[in-house]
Amino acid sequence: MTTQSLAEYRLGPVDEIPVGEARAYAVGGEMVAVFRLRDGGLRAVSAVCPHAGGPLADGLADQRVVVCPLHQHAFDLRTGCSTTGAPPITVYPVRVDDDNTIIISGGLP
């Protein structure tokens, strides 16, 4: 698992992401996928599958795992570890502020 925390980035209103879906954001030269879970929680991870560059924000996700739409590699949304043998993805701390704006922090440029 790779977890980083340095700068904070305001991404936009949480309501832009329907419950049970994700959106990809360009943040400091990196692509970050933010998942809005069915329980209302958020998870933020690298948006690019390390196996073949698949768009993880377009993958199927549940409360704990996202599956890449290209080759079905699965990643734990809390740890970034692959459950199918791919290299891990980066996990970013994410929260919603008082204005309902998504904020992530991480070692992004």
C-alpha atoms as a PDB file:
ATOM      1  CA  MET A   1       0.000   0.000   0.000  1.00  0.00           C
ATOM      2  CA  THR A   2       1.198   3.481  -0.809  1.00  0.00           C
ATOM      3  CA  THR A   3      -0.434   6.262   1.203  1.00  0.00           C
ATOM      4  CA  GLN A   4       0.815   9.817   0.833  1.00  0.00           C
ATOM      5  CA  SER A   5      -0.135  13.110   2.455  1.00  0.00           C
ATOM      6  CA  LEU A   6       1.263  16.570   1.717  1.00  0.00           C
ATOM      7  CA  ALA A   7      -0.772  19.151  -0.226  1.00  0.00           C
ATOM      8  CA  GLU A   8      -4.565  19.463  -0.261  1.00  0.00           C
ATOM      9  CA  TYR A   9      -6.614  19.755  -3.446  1.00  0.00           C
ATOM     10  CA  ARG A  10     -10.233  20.904  -3.744  1.00  0.00           C
ATOM     11  CA  LEU A  11     -11.900  18.835  -6.471  1.00  0.00           C
ATOM     12  CA  GLY A  12     -15.496  20.046  -6.577  1.00  0.00           C
ATOM     13  CA  PRO A  13     -18.920  19.343  -5.085  1.00  0.00           C
ATOM     14  CA  VAL A  14     -19.504  15.815  -3.808  1.00  0.00           C
ATOM     15  CA  ASP A  15     -22.917  15.889  -5.516  1.00  0.00           C
ATOM     16  CA  GLU A  16     -21.137  15.730  -8.908  1.00  0.00           C
ATOM     17  CA  ILE A  17     -20.518  12.029  -8.207  1.00  0.00           C
ATOM     18  CA  PRO A  18     -23.698   9.929  -8.063  1.00  0.00           C
ATOM     19  CA  VAL A  19     -23.846   7.420  -5.208  1.00  0.00           C
ATOM     20  CA  GLY A  20     -22.248   4.142  -6.312  1.00  0.00           C
ATOM     21  CA  GLU A  21     -20.147   5.769  -9.049  1.00  0.00           C
ATOM     22  CA  ALA A  22     -16.745   7.414  -9.478  1.00  0.00           C
ATOM     23  CA  ARG A  23     -15.175  10.334 -11.278  1.00  0.00           C
ATOM     24  CA  ALA A  24     -11.600  10.881 -12.421  1.00  0.00           C
ATOM     25  CA  TYR A  25      -9.877  14.189 -11.698  1.00  0.00           C
ATOM     26  CA  ALA A  26      -6.568  15.597 -12.934  1.00  0.00           C
ATOM     27  CA  VAL A  27      -4.711  16.584  -9.771  1.00  0.00           C
ATOM     28  CA  GLY A  28      -1.160  17.905  -9.788  1.00  0.00           C
ATOM     29  CA  GLY A  29      -0.268  16.030 -12.970  1.00  0.00           C
ATOM     30  CA  GLU A  30      -1.822  12.754 -11.770  1.00  0.00           C
ATOM     31  CA  MET A  31      -5.221  11.203 -12.430  1.00  0.00           C
ATOM     32  CA  VAL A  32      -7.164  10.417  -9.251  1.00  0.00           C
ATOM     33  CA  ALA A  33     -10.430   8.440  -9.114  1.00  0.00           C
ATOM     34  CA  VAL A  34     -12.879   9.383  -6.374  1.00  0.00           C
ATOM     35  CA  PHE A  35     -15.516   6.768  -5.542  1.00  0.00           C
ATOM     36  CA  ARG A  36     -18.742   7.736  -3.759  1.00  0.00           C
ATOM     37  CA  LEU A  37     -19.746   4.564  -1.982  1.00  0.00           C
ATOM     38  CA  ARG A  38     -23.313   3.447  -1.376  1.00  0.00           C
ATOM     39  CA  ASP A  39     -22.905   4.084   2.362  1.00  0.00           C
ATOM     40  CA  GLY A  40     -21.999   7.712   1.584  1.00  0.00           C
ATOM     41  CA  GLY A  41     -18.270   7.262   2.160  1.00  0.00           C
ATOM     42  CA  LEU A  42     -15.583   8.349  -0.269  1.00  0.00           C
ATOM     43  CA  ARG A  43     -12.400   6.640  -1.440  1.00  0.00           C
ATOM     44  CA  ALA A  44      -9.674   8.207  -3.602  1.00  0.00           C
ATOM     45  CA  VAL A  45      -7.131   6.125  -5.513  1.00  0.00           C
ATOM     46  CA  SER A  46      -4.927   6.341  -8.567  1.00  0.00           C
ATOM     47  CA  ALA A  47      -7.260   6.447 -11.575  1.00  0.00           C
ATOM     48  CA  VAL A  48      -4.974   4.362 -13.798  1.00  0.00           C
ATOM     49  CA  CYS A  49      -4.615   0.596 -13.499  1.00  0.00           C
ATOM     50  CA  PRO A  50      -0.908  -0.268 -13.237  1.00  0.00           C
ATOM     51  CA  HIS A  51      -1.388  -3.398 -15.357  1.00  0.00           C
ATOM     52  CA  ALA A  52      -2.413  -1.859 -18.687  1.00  0.00           C
ATOM     53  CA  GLY A  53      -3.483   1.720 -17.971  1.00  0.00           C
ATOM     54  CA  GLY A  54      -7.202   0.973 -17.650  1.00  0.00           C
ATOM     55  CA  PRO A  55      -9.548   3.695 -16.342  1.00  0.00           C
ATOM     56  CA  LEU A  56     -10.386   2.594 -12.797  1.00  0.00           C
ATOM     57  CA  ALA A  57     -13.134   5.233 -12.427  1.00  0.00           C
ATOM     58  CA  ASP A  58     -15.023   3.296 -15.130  1.00  0.00           C
ATOM     59  CA  GLY A  59     -14.633  -0.021 -13.299  1.00  0.00           C
ATOM     60  CA  LEU A  60     -17.193  -1.854 -11.214  1.00  0.00           C
ATOM     61  CA  ALA A  61     -16.884  -1.074  -7.514  1.00  0.00           C
ATOM     62  CA  ASP A  62     -18.484  -2.088  -4.267  1.00  0.00           C
ATOM     63  CA  GLN A  63     -17.741  -0.923  -0.733  1.00  0.00           C
ATOM     64  CA  ARG A  64     -14.197  -2.344  -0.752  1.00  0.00           C
ATOM     65  CA  VAL A  65     -12.980  -3.249  -4.240  1.00  0.00           C
ATOM     66  CA  VAL A  66     -12.801  -1.744  -7.720  1.00  0.00           C
ATOM     67  CA  VAL A  67     -12.359  -3.973 -10.786  1.00  0.00           C
ATOM     68  CA  CYS A  68     -10.518  -2.585 -13.808  1.00  0.00           C
ATOM     69  CA  PRO A  69     -12.752  -2.671 -16.898  1.00  0.00           C
ATOM     70  CA  LEU A  70      -9.925  -3.808 -19.208  1.00  0.00           C
ATOM     71  CA  HIS A  71      -8.564  -7.017 -17.699  1.00  0.00           C
ATOM     72  CA  GLN A  72     -10.526  -7.423 -14.442  1.00  0.00           C
ATOM     73  CA  HIS A  73      -7.669  -6.748 -12.034  1.00  0.00           C
ATOM     74  CA  ALA A  74      -9.197  -5.893  -8.655  1.00  0.00           C
ATOM     75  CA  PHE A  75      -7.921  -3.408  -6.069  1.00  0.00           C
ATOM     76  CA  ASP A  76      -8.854  -2.820  -2.448  1.00  0.00           C
ATOM     77  CA  LEU A  77     -10.109   0.782  -2.171  1.00  0.00           C
ATOM     78  CA  ARG A  78      -8.746   1.134   1.381  1.00  0.00           C
ATOM     79  CA  THR A  79      -5.244  -0.274   0.916  1.00  0.00           C
ATOM     80  CA  GLY A  80      -4.592  -0.082  -2.836  1.00  0.00           C
ATOM     81  CA  CYS A  81      -3.452  -3.707  -2.815  1.00  0.00           C
ATOM     82  CA  SER A  82      -4.461  -5.877  -5.739  1.00  0.00           C
ATOM     83  CA  THR A  83      -6.492  -8.970  -4.988  1.00  0.00           C
ATOM     84  CA  THR A  84      -5.539 -10.413  -8.386  1.00  0.00           C
ATOM     85  CA  GLY A  85      -1.754 -10.047  -8.505  1.00  0.00           C
ATOM     86  CA  ALA A  86      -1.312  -6.630 -10.149  1.00  0.00           C
ATOM     87  CA  PRO A  87       0.988  -4.009  -8.613  1.00  0.00           C
ATOM     88  CA  PRO A  88      -0.756  -1.846  -5.983  1.00  0.00           C
ATOM     89  CA  ILE A  89      -2.367   1.526  -6.668  1.00  0.00           C
ATOM     90  CA  THR A  90      -1.897   4.700  -4.632  1.00  0.00           C
ATOM     91  CA  VAL A  91      -4.551   5.557  -2.031  1.00  0.00           C
ATOM     92  CA  TYR A  92      -5.185   9.203  -1.118  1.00  0.00           C
ATOM     93  CA  PRO A  93      -6.838  10.585   2.014  1.00  0.00           C
ATOM     94  CA  VAL A  94     -10.188  12.110   1.031  1.00  0.00           C
ATOM     95  CA  ARG A  95     -12.825  14.087   2.890  1.00  0.00           C
ATOM     96  CA  VAL A  96     -15.715  16.475   2.346  1.00  0.00           C
ATOM     97  CA  ASP A  97     -15.511  19.948   3.881  1.00  0.00           C
ATOM     98  CA  ASP A  98     -18.336  22.048   5.323  1.00  0.00           C
ATOM     99  CA  ASP A  99     -19.197  23.328   1.825  1.00  0.00           C
ATOM    100  CA  ASN A 100     -19.644  19.738   0.512  1.00  0.00           C
ATOM    101  CA  THR A 101     -16.438  20.061  -1.527  1.00  0.00           C
ATOM    102  CA  ILE A 102     -14.278  16.972  -2.033  1.00  0.00           C
ATOM    103  CA  ILE A 103     -10.749  17.461  -0.722  1.00  0.00           C
ATOM    104  CA  ILE A 104      -7.901  15.020  -1.231  1.00  0.00           C
ATOM    105  CA  SER A 105      -4.396  15.247   0.109  1.00  0.00           C
ATOM    106  CA  GLY A 106      -1.311  13.514  -1.071  1.00  0.00           C
ATOM    107  CA  GLY A 107       2.190  13.644  -2.387  1.00  0.00           C
ATOM    108  CA  LEU A 108       1.045  15.078  -5.702  1.00  0.00           C
ATOM    109  CA  PRO A 109       3.121  17.753  -7.453  1.00  0.00           C
END
